[in-house]
Each structure stands twice: as structure tokens, then as C-alpha cells.
Amino acid sequence: MKFLKRINTSSYNYTSMAQIDTNTYKSSKHDFLNFCSKNMLKVKNSLSDQIKILKKKSSINEKTDHNTEKKEDPEFFDEQKNYQ
């Protein structure tokens, strides 16, 4: 038994297939939901790993940003005083 899903757009034609063995799952709702939940758990774990990596990268970037703070431009502040 194969489930076929097609997504048509103006420039691309995507086709994704998911095969489910009917002998193993007997197409019952309970087994199908177990199959889906196992796959969703894999996706969740993968996403949480990616989030951890991104948080580490952002914390490293924040640390380097604090070390390279921009100096204030004195000419800009002189102009601001003239306007006030």
C-alpha cells in the first residue's frame, strides 16, 4: 500500500512518497498512529538538536559582539547638541 502526495506549483512539481507495509500495520488506526508518532518523535528530536546548535552559535556570537562594541561617533553627538 502506497500513499502518494503531489504538490504542484508554477515552477516545481514535488512528489513525496511514504510506504507503509500493510502486513505489519494491517492499516488499523492504532498501529498507524504508533507509526506516525515514532516518526514525529524522530523529527522532534532532530529539531531539538538543531535548536541547541543554533543557541550555542548565537551565544558565541553574542560573546563576540560584546567584545567588539562600536565606539560612539563624537561628530554625531555634536550635531545632535546643535539641533537641541
PDB file of N, CA and C in Angstrom:
ATOM      1  N   MET A   1       0.844  -1.176   0.000  1.00  0.00           N
ATOM      2  CA  MET A   1       0.000   0.000   0.000  1.00  0.00           C
ATOM      3  C   MET A   1       0.889   1.238   0.000  1.00  0.00           C
ATOM      4  N   LYS A   2       0.652   2.124  -0.913  1.00  0.00           N
ATOM      5  CA  LYS A   2       1.455   3.339  -1.005  1.00  0.00           C
ATOM      6  C   LYS A   2       0.540   4.550  -0.902  1.00  0.00           C
ATOM      7  N   PHE A   3       1.016   5.564  -0.165  1.00  0.00           N
ATOM      8  CA  PHE A   3       0.323   6.833  -0.114  1.00  0.00           C
ATOM      9  C   PHE A   3       1.145   7.806  -0.938  1.00  0.00           C
ATOM     10  N   LEU A   4       0.521   8.464  -1.879  1.00  0.00           N
ATOM     11  CA  LEU A   4       1.224   9.373  -2.767  1.00  0.00           C
ATOM     12  C   LEU A   4       0.640  10.768  -2.609  1.00  0.00           C
ATOM     13  N   LYS A   5       1.497  11.729  -2.402  1.00  0.00           N
ATOM     14  CA  LYS A   5       1.044  13.105  -2.240  1.00  0.00           C
ATOM     15  C   LYS A   5       1.783  13.963  -3.253  1.00  0.00           C
ATOM     16  N   ARG A   6       1.073  14.725  -4.024  1.00  0.00           N
ATOM     17  CA  ARG A   6       1.695  15.595  -5.016  1.00  0.00           C
ATOM     18  C   ARG A   6       1.389  17.053  -4.678  1.00  0.00           C
ATOM     19  N   ILE A   7       2.408  17.878  -4.831  1.00  0.00           N
ATOM     20  CA  ILE A   7       2.245  19.312  -4.637  1.00  0.00           C
ATOM     21  C   ILE A   7       2.667  19.983  -5.935  1.00  0.00           C
ATOM     22  N   ASN A   8       1.735  20.635  -6.596  1.00  0.00           N
ATOM     23  CA  ASN A   8       2.046  21.308  -7.853  1.00  0.00           C
ATOM     24  C   ASN A   8       2.151  22.805  -7.620  1.00  0.00           C
ATOM     25  N   THR A   9       3.245  23.371  -8.071  1.00  0.00           N
ATOM     26  CA  THR A   9       3.401  24.818  -8.053  1.00  0.00           C
ATOM     27  C   THR A   9       3.704  25.260  -9.462  1.00  0.00           C
ATOM     28  N   SER A  10       3.812  26.558  -9.658  1.00  0.00           N
ATOM     29  CA  SER A  10       4.033  27.062 -11.004  1.00  0.00           C
ATOM     30  C   SER A  10       5.382  26.637 -11.566  1.00  0.00           C
ATOM     31  N   SER A  11       6.408  26.519 -10.700  1.00  0.00           N
ATOM     32  CA  SER A  11       7.740  26.224 -11.222  1.00  0.00           C
ATOM     33  C   SER A  11       8.259  24.837 -10.855  1.00  0.00           C
ATOM     34  N   TYR A  12       7.658  24.181  -9.879  1.00  0.00           N
ATOM     35  CA  TYR A  12       8.174  22.891  -9.432  1.00  0.00           C
ATOM     36  C   TYR A  12       7.049  21.874  -9.310  1.00  0.00           C
ATOM     37  N   ASN A  13       7.391  20.626  -9.423  1.00  0.00           N
ATOM     38  CA  ASN A  13       6.448  19.538  -9.193  1.00  0.00           C
ATOM     39  C   ASN A  13       7.088  18.600  -8.180  1.00  0.00           C
ATOM     40  N   TYR A  14       6.655  18.688  -6.931  1.00  0.00           N
ATOM     41  CA  TYR A  14       7.223  17.874  -5.863  1.00  0.00           C
ATOM     42  C   TYR A  14       6.384  16.619  -5.684  1.00  0.00           C
ATOM     43  N   THR A  15       7.035  15.514  -5.480  1.00  0.00           N
ATOM     44  CA  THR A  15       6.338  14.266  -5.188  1.00  0.00           C
ATOM     45  C   THR A  15       6.988  13.638  -3.973  1.00  0.00           C
ATOM     46  N   SER A  16       6.183  13.347  -2.967  1.00  0.00           N
ATOM     47  CA  SER A  16       6.725  12.663  -1.788  1.00  0.00           C
ATOM     48  C   SER A  16       5.938  11.384  -1.578  1.00  0.00           C
ATOM     49  N   MET A  17       6.654  10.322  -1.283  1.00  0.00           N
ATOM     50  CA  MET A  17       6.009   9.024  -1.076  1.00  0.00           C
ATOM     51  C   MET A  17       6.336   8.492   0.305  1.00  0.00           C
ATOM     52  N   ALA A  18       5.357   7.893   0.923  1.00  0.00           N
ATOM     53  CA  ALA A  18       5.587   7.190   2.185  1.00  0.00           C
ATOM     54  C   ALA A  18       5.006   5.799   2.021  1.00  0.00           C
ATOM     55  N   GLN A  19       5.818   4.794   2.235  1.00  0.00           N
ATOM     56  CA  GLN A  19       5.342   3.420   2.097  1.00  0.00           C
ATOM     57  C   GLN A  19       5.040   2.842   3.475  1.00  0.00           C
ATOM     58  N   ILE A  20       3.898   2.207   3.580  1.00  0.00           N
ATOM     59  CA  ILE A  20       3.501   1.549   4.820  1.00  0.00           C
ATOM     60  C   ILE A  20       3.228   0.090   4.487  1.00  0.00           C
ATOM     61  N   ASP A  21       3.907  -0.801   5.166  1.00  0.00           N
ATOM     62  CA  ASP A  21       3.745  -2.233   4.935  1.00  0.00           C
ATOM     63  C   ASP A  21       2.419  -2.677   5.547  1.00  0.00           C
ATOM     64  N   THR A  22       1.490  -3.116   4.691  1.00  0.00           N
ATOM     65  CA  THR A  22       0.159  -3.491   5.196  1.00  0.00           C
ATOM     66  C   THR A  22       0.214  -4.764   6.023  1.00  0.00           C
ATOM     67  N   ASN A  23       1.191  -5.632   5.779  1.00  0.00           N
ATOM     68  CA  ASN A  23       1.295  -6.851   6.586  1.00  0.00           C
ATOM     69  C   ASN A  23       1.672  -6.517   8.022  1.00  0.00           C
ATOM     70  N   THR A  24       2.505  -5.505   8.216  1.00  0.00           N
ATOM     71  CA  THR A  24       2.941  -5.132   9.557  1.00  0.00           C
ATOM     72  C   THR A  24       1.866  -4.331  10.276  1.00  0.00           C
ATOM     73  N   TYR A  25       1.260  -3.379   9.576  1.00  0.00           N
ATOM     74  CA  TYR A  25       0.353  -2.441  10.245  1.00  0.00           C
ATOM     75  C   TYR A  25      -1.123  -2.792  10.093  1.00  0.00           C
ATOM     76  N   LYS A  26      -1.463  -3.629   9.148  1.00  0.00           N
ATOM     77  CA  LYS A  26      -2.847  -4.063   8.921  1.00  0.00           C
ATOM     78  C   LYS A  26      -3.802  -2.875   8.780  1.00  0.00           C
ATOM     79  N   SER A  27      -3.247  -1.724   8.499  1.00  0.00           N
ATOM     80  CA  SER A  27      -3.983  -0.473   8.274  1.00  0.00           C
ATOM     81  C   SER A  27      -4.985  -0.146   9.387  1.00  0.00           C
ATOM     82  N   SER A  28      -4.676  -0.554  10.604  1.00  0.00           N
ATOM     83  CA  SER A  28      -5.544  -0.173  11.721  1.00  0.00           C
ATOM     84  C   SER A  28      -5.129   1.205  12.221  1.00  0.00           C
ATOM     85  N   LYS A  29      -6.061   1.928  12.771  1.00  0.00           N
ATOM     86  CA  LYS A  29      -5.779   3.290  13.223  1.00  0.00           C
ATOM     87  C   LYS A  29      -4.721   3.317  14.317  1.00  0.00           C
ATOM     88  N   HIS A  30      -4.807   2.388  15.247  1.00  0.00           N
ATOM     89  CA  HIS A  30      -3.878   2.385  16.377  1.00  0.00           C
ATOM     90  C   HIS A  30      -2.441   2.185  15.904  1.00  0.00           C
ATOM     91  N   ASP A  31      -2.228   1.203  15.042  1.00  0.00           N
ATOM     92  CA  ASP A  31      -0.881   0.939  14.548  1.00  0.00           C
ATOM     93  C   ASP A  31      -0.381   2.082  13.671  1.00  0.00           C
ATOM     94  N   PHE A  32      -1.279   2.642  12.876  1.00  0.00           N
ATOM     95  CA  PHE A  32      -0.888   3.763  12.025  1.00  0.00           C
ATOM     96  C   PHE A  32      -0.474   4.962  12.875  1.00  0.00           C
ATOM     97  N   LEU A  33      -1.220   5.221  13.952  1.00  0.00           N
ATOM     98  CA  LEU A  33      -0.864   6.332  14.838  1.00  0.00           C
ATOM     99  C   LEU A  33       0.456   6.072  15.547  1.00  0.00           C
ATOM    100  N   ASN A  34       0.718   4.831  15.929  1.00  0.00           N
ATOM    101  CA  ASN A  34       2.016   4.498  16.523  1.00  0.00           C
ATOM    102  C   ASN A  34       3.143   4.747  15.534  1.00  0.00           C
ATOM    103  N   PHE A  35       2.924   4.345  14.285  1.00  0.00           N
ATOM    104  CA  PHE A  35       3.916   4.569  13.234  1.00  0.00           C
ATOM    105  C   PHE A  35       4.190   6.065  13.072  1.00  0.00           C
ATOM    106  N   CYS A  36       3.118   6.866  13.033  1.00  0.00           N
ATOM    107  CA  CYS A  36       3.266   8.319  12.877  1.00  0.00           C
ATOM    108  C   CYS A  36       3.947   8.937  14.091  1.00  0.00           C
ATOM    109  N   SER A  37       3.579   8.492  15.274  1.00  0.00           N
ATOM    110  CA  SER A  37       4.158   9.088  16.481  1.00  0.00           C
ATOM    111  C   SER A  37       5.646   8.781  16.583  1.00  0.00           C
ATOM    112  N   LYS A  38       6.073   7.590  16.162  1.00  0.00           N
ATOM    113  CA  LYS A  38       7.504   7.268  16.170  1.00  0.00           C
ATOM    114  C   LYS A  38       8.264   8.193  15.226  1.00  0.00           C
ATOM    115  N   ASN A  39       7.698   8.422  14.041  1.00  0.00           N
ATOM    116  CA  ASN A  39       8.358   9.314  13.088  1.00  0.00           C
ATOM    117  C   ASN A  39       8.359  10.753  13.589  1.00  0.00           C
ATOM    118  N   MET A  40       7.272  11.177  14.216  1.00  0.00           N
ATOM    119  CA  MET A  40       7.220  12.540  14.750  1.00  0.00           C
ATOM    120  C   MET A  40       8.216  12.712  15.889  1.00  0.00           C
ATOM    121  N   LEU A  41       8.431  11.670  16.679  1.00  0.00           N
ATOM    122  CA  LEU A  41       9.414  11.728  17.758  1.00  0.00           C
ATOM    123  C   LEU A  41      10.819  11.907  17.188  1.00  0.00           C
ATOM    124  N   LYS A  42      11.106  11.209  16.086  1.00  0.00           N
ATOM    125  CA  LYS A  42      12.406  11.381  15.425  1.00  0.00           C
ATOM    126  C   LYS A  42      12.574  12.817  14.942  1.00  0.00           C
ATOM    127  N   VAL A  43      11.525  13.369  14.347  1.00  0.00           N
ATOM    128  CA  VAL A  43      11.583  14.748  13.850  1.00  0.00           C
ATOM    129  C   VAL A  43      11.763  15.715  15.010  1.00  0.00           C
ATOM    130  N   LYS A  44      11.031  15.498  16.097  1.00  0.00           N
ATOM    131  CA  LYS A  44      11.137  16.370  17.276  1.00  0.00           C
ATOM    132  C   LYS A  44      12.551  16.350  17.835  1.00  0.00           C
ATOM    133  N   ASN A  45      13.135  15.164  17.956  1.00  0.00           N
ATOM    134  CA  ASN A  45      14.499  15.063  18.474  1.00  0.00           C
ATOM    135  C   ASN A  45      15.489  15.754  17.551  1.00  0.00           C
ATOM    136  N   SER A  46      15.289  15.604  16.259  1.00  0.00           N
ATOM    137  CA  SER A  46      16.180  16.250  15.297  1.00  0.00           C
ATOM    138  C   SER A  46      16.069  17.769  15.399  1.00  0.00           C
ATOM    139  N   LEU A  47      14.842  18.265  15.519  1.00  0.00           N
ATOM    140  CA  LEU A  47      14.643  19.711  15.635  1.00  0.00           C
ATOM    141  C   LEU A  47      15.213  20.249  16.937  1.00  0.00           C
ATOM    142  N   SER A  48      15.049  19.511  18.021  1.00  0.00           N
ATOM    143  CA  SER A  48      15.594  19.988  19.293  1.00  0.00           C
ATOM    144  C   SER A  48      17.118  20.020  19.245  1.00  0.00           C
ATOM    145  N   ASP A  49      17.723  19.059  18.550  1.00  0.00           N
ATOM    146  CA  ASP A  49      19.184  19.087  18.384  1.00  0.00           C
ATOM    147  C   ASP A  49      19.613  20.308  17.578  1.00  0.00           C
ATOM    148  N   GLN A  50      18.862  20.621  16.525  1.00  0.00           N
ATOM    149  CA  GLN A  50      19.196  21.789  15.705  1.00  0.00           C
ATOM    150  C   GLN A  50      19.031  23.077  16.496  1.00  0.00           C
ATOM    151  N   ILE A  51      18.005  23.142  17.350  1.00  0.00           N
ATOM    152  CA  ILE A  51      17.794  24.333  18.178  1.00  0.00           C
ATOM    153  C   ILE A  51      18.947  24.515  19.149  1.00  0.00           C
ATOM    154  N   LYS A  52      19.420  23.420  19.749  1.00  0.00           N
ATOM    155  CA  LYS A  52      20.557  23.504  20.667  1.00  0.00           C
ATOM    156  C   LYS A  52      21.790  24.036  19.954  1.00  0.00           C
ATOM    157  N   ILE A  53      22.027  23.550  18.740  1.00  0.00           N
ATOM    158  CA  ILE A  53      23.186  24.012  17.967  1.00  0.00           C
ATOM    159  C   ILE A  53      23.057  25.497  17.663  1.00  0.00           C
ATOM    160  N   LEU A  54      21.862  25.934  17.264  1.00  0.00           N
ATOM    161  CA  LEU A  54      21.657  27.352  16.953  1.00  0.00           C
ATOM    162  C   LEU A  54      21.819  28.226  18.186  1.00  0.00           C
ATOM    163  N   LYS A  55      21.350  27.754  19.338  1.00  0.00           N
ATOM    164  CA  LYS A  55      21.517  28.523  20.574  1.00  0.00           C
ATOM    165  C   LYS A  55      22.985  28.665  20.926  1.00  0.00           C
ATOM    166  N   LYS A  56      23.760  27.588  20.732  1.00  0.00           N
ATOM    167  CA  LYS A  56      25.196  27.663  21.002  1.00  0.00           C
ATOM    168  C   LYS A  56      25.854  28.680  20.080  1.00  0.00           C
ATOM    169  N   LYS A  57      25.480  28.645  18.796  1.00  0.00           N
ATOM    170  CA  LYS A  57      26.059  29.588  17.834  1.00  0.00           C
ATOM    171  C   LYS A  57      25.685  31.020  18.190  1.00  0.00           C
ATOM    172  N   SER A  58      24.438  31.239  18.589  1.00  0.00           N
ATOM    173  CA  SER A  58      24.012  32.600  18.919  1.00  0.00           C
ATOM    174  C   SER A  58      24.691  33.091  20.185  1.00  0.00           C
ATOM    175  N   SER A  59      24.908  32.206  21.161  1.00  0.00           N
ATOM    176  CA  SER A  59      25.595  32.636  22.383  1.00  0.00           C
ATOM    177  C   SER A  59      27.051  32.972  22.083  1.00  0.00           C
ATOM    178  N   ILE A  60      27.672  32.242  21.181  1.00  0.00           N
ATOM    179  CA  ILE A  60      29.046  32.560  20.781  1.00  0.00           C
ATOM    180  C   ILE A  60      29.075  33.911  20.083  1.00  0.00           C
ATOM    181  N   ASN A  61      28.089  34.175  19.217  1.00  0.00           N
ATOM    182  CA  ASN A  61      28.029  35.460  18.516  1.00  0.00           C
ATOM    183  C   ASN A  61      27.803  36.609  19.488  1.00  0.00           C
ATOM    184  N   GLU A  62      26.966  36.394  20.505  1.00  0.00           N
ATOM    185  CA  GLU A  62      26.725  37.450  21.494  1.00  0.00           C
ATOM    186  C   GLU A  62      27.991  37.760  22.274  1.00  0.00           C
ATOM    187  N   LYS A  63      28.757  36.741  22.606  1.00  0.00           N
ATOM    188  CA  LYS A  63      30.003  36.964  23.338  1.00  0.00           C
ATOM    189  C   LYS A  63      30.982  37.771  22.500  1.00  0.00           C
ATOM    190  N   THR A  64      31.067  37.490  21.218  1.00  0.00           N
ATOM    191  CA  THR A  64      31.994  38.237  20.366  1.00  0.00           C
ATOM    192  C   THR A  64      31.478  39.644  20.115  1.00  0.00           C
ATOM    193  N   ASP A  65      30.160  39.830  20.091  1.00  0.00           N
ATOM    194  CA  ASP A  65      29.601  41.171  19.894  1.00  0.00           C
ATOM    195  C   ASP A  65      29.931  42.081  21.064  1.00  0.00           C
ATOM    196  N   HIS A  66      29.935  41.564  22.281  1.00  0.00           N
ATOM    197  CA  HIS A  66      30.251  42.392  23.441  1.00  0.00           C
ATOM    198  C   HIS A  66      31.702  42.851  23.410  1.00  0.00           C
ATOM    199  N   ASN A  67      32.562  42.043  22.850  1.00  0.00           N
ATOM    200  CA  ASN A  67      33.975  42.405  22.789  1.00  0.00           C
ATOM    201  C   ASN A  67      34.252  43.456  21.723  1.00  0.00           C
ATOM    202  N   THR A  68      33.417  43.534  20.725  1.00  0.00           N
ATOM    203  CA  THR A  68      33.642  44.475  19.627  1.00  0.00           C
ATOM    204  C   THR A  68      32.559  45.544  19.620  1.00  0.00           C
ATOM    205  N   GLU A  69      32.352  46.208  20.729  1.00  0.00           N
ATOM    206  CA  GLU A  69      31.352  47.268  20.784  1.00  0.00           C
ATOM    207  C   GLU A  69      31.826  48.451  19.956  1.00  0.00           C
ATOM    208  N   LYS A  70      30.869  49.085  19.311  1.00  0.00           N
ATOM    209  CA  LYS A  70      31.209  50.218  18.456  1.00  0.00           C
ATOM    210  C   LYS A  70      31.462  51.453  19.315  1.00  0.00           C
ATOM    211  N   LYS A  71      32.436  52.214  18.899  1.00  0.00           N
ATOM    212  CA  LYS A  71      32.723  53.478  19.572  1.00  0.00           C
ATOM    213  C   LYS A  71      31.705  54.511  19.100  1.00  0.00           C
ATOM    214  N   GLU A  72      31.331  55.397  19.982  1.00  0.00           N
ATOM    215  CA  GLU A  72      30.369  56.426  19.621  1.00  0.00           C
ATOM    216  C   GLU A  72      31.061  57.499  18.793  1.00  0.00           C
ATOM    217  N   ASP A  73      30.364  57.948  17.791  1.00  0.00           N
ATOM    218  CA  ASP A  73      30.914  58.956  16.893  1.00  0.00           C
ATOM    219  C   ASP A  73      30.721  60.335  17.523  1.00  0.00           C
ATOM    220  N   PRO A  74      31.808  61.047  17.868  1.00  0.00           N
ATOM    221  CA  PRO A  74      31.658  62.351  18.533  1.00  0.00           C
ATOM    222  C   PRO A  74      31.012  63.404  17.636  1.00  0.00           C
ATOM    223  N   GLU A  75      31.233  63.330  16.317  1.00  0.00           N
ATOM    224  CA  GLU A  75      30.635  64.317  15.413  1.00  0.00           C
ATOM    225  C   GLU A  75      29.117  64.208  15.418  1.00  0.00           C
ATOM    226  N   PHE A  76      28.612  63.004  15.514  1.00  0.00           N
ATOM    227  CA  PHE A  76      27.174  62.798  15.539  1.00  0.00           C
ATOM    228  C   PHE A  76      26.561  63.465  16.770  1.00  0.00           C
ATOM    229  N   PHE A  77      27.208  63.328  17.916  1.00  0.00           N
ATOM    230  CA  PHE A  77      26.673  63.920  19.138  1.00  0.00           C
ATOM    231  C   PHE A  77      26.802  65.438  19.121  1.00  0.00           C
ATOM    232  N   ASP A  78      27.833  65.968  18.484  1.00  0.00           N
ATOM    233  CA  ASP A  78      27.953  67.420  18.344  1.00  0.00           C
ATOM    234  C   ASP A  78      26.798  67.960  17.512  1.00  0.00           C
ATOM    235  N   GLU A  79      26.444  67.260  16.440  1.00  0.00           N
ATOM    236  CA  GLU A  79      25.326  67.690  15.605  1.00  0.00           C
ATOM    237  C   GLU A  79      24.018  67.610  16.375  1.00  0.00           C
ATOM    238  N   GLN A  80      23.855  66.592  17.193  1.00  0.00           N
ATOM    239  CA  GLN A  80      22.640  66.456  17.988  1.00  0.00           C
ATOM    240  C   GLN A  80      22.505  67.608  18.983  1.00  0.00           C
ATOM    241  N   LYS A  81      23.598  68.038  19.570  1.00  0.00           N
ATOM    242  CA  LYS A  81      23.555  69.158  20.517  1.00  0.00           C
ATOM    243  C   LYS A  81      23.153  70.441  19.807  1.00  0.00           C
ATOM    244  N   ASN A  82      23.605  70.607  18.573  1.00  0.00           N
ATOM    245  CA  ASN A  82      23.268  71.810  17.814  1.00  0.00           C
ATOM    246  C   ASN A  82      21.775  71.872  17.504  1.00  0.00           C
ATOM    247  N   TYR A  83      21.147  70.728  17.295  1.00  0.00           N
ATOM    248  CA  TYR A  83      19.724  70.714  16.988  1.00  0.00           C
ATOM    249  C   TYR A  83      18.869  70.964  18.218  1.00  0.00           C
ATOM    250  N   GLN A  84      19.378  70.703  19.386  1.00  0.00           N
ATOM    251  CA  GLN A  84      18.561  70.853  20.593  1.00  0.00           C
ATOM    252  C   GLN A  84      18.576  72.220  21.092  1.00  0.00           C
TER     253      GLN A  84
END
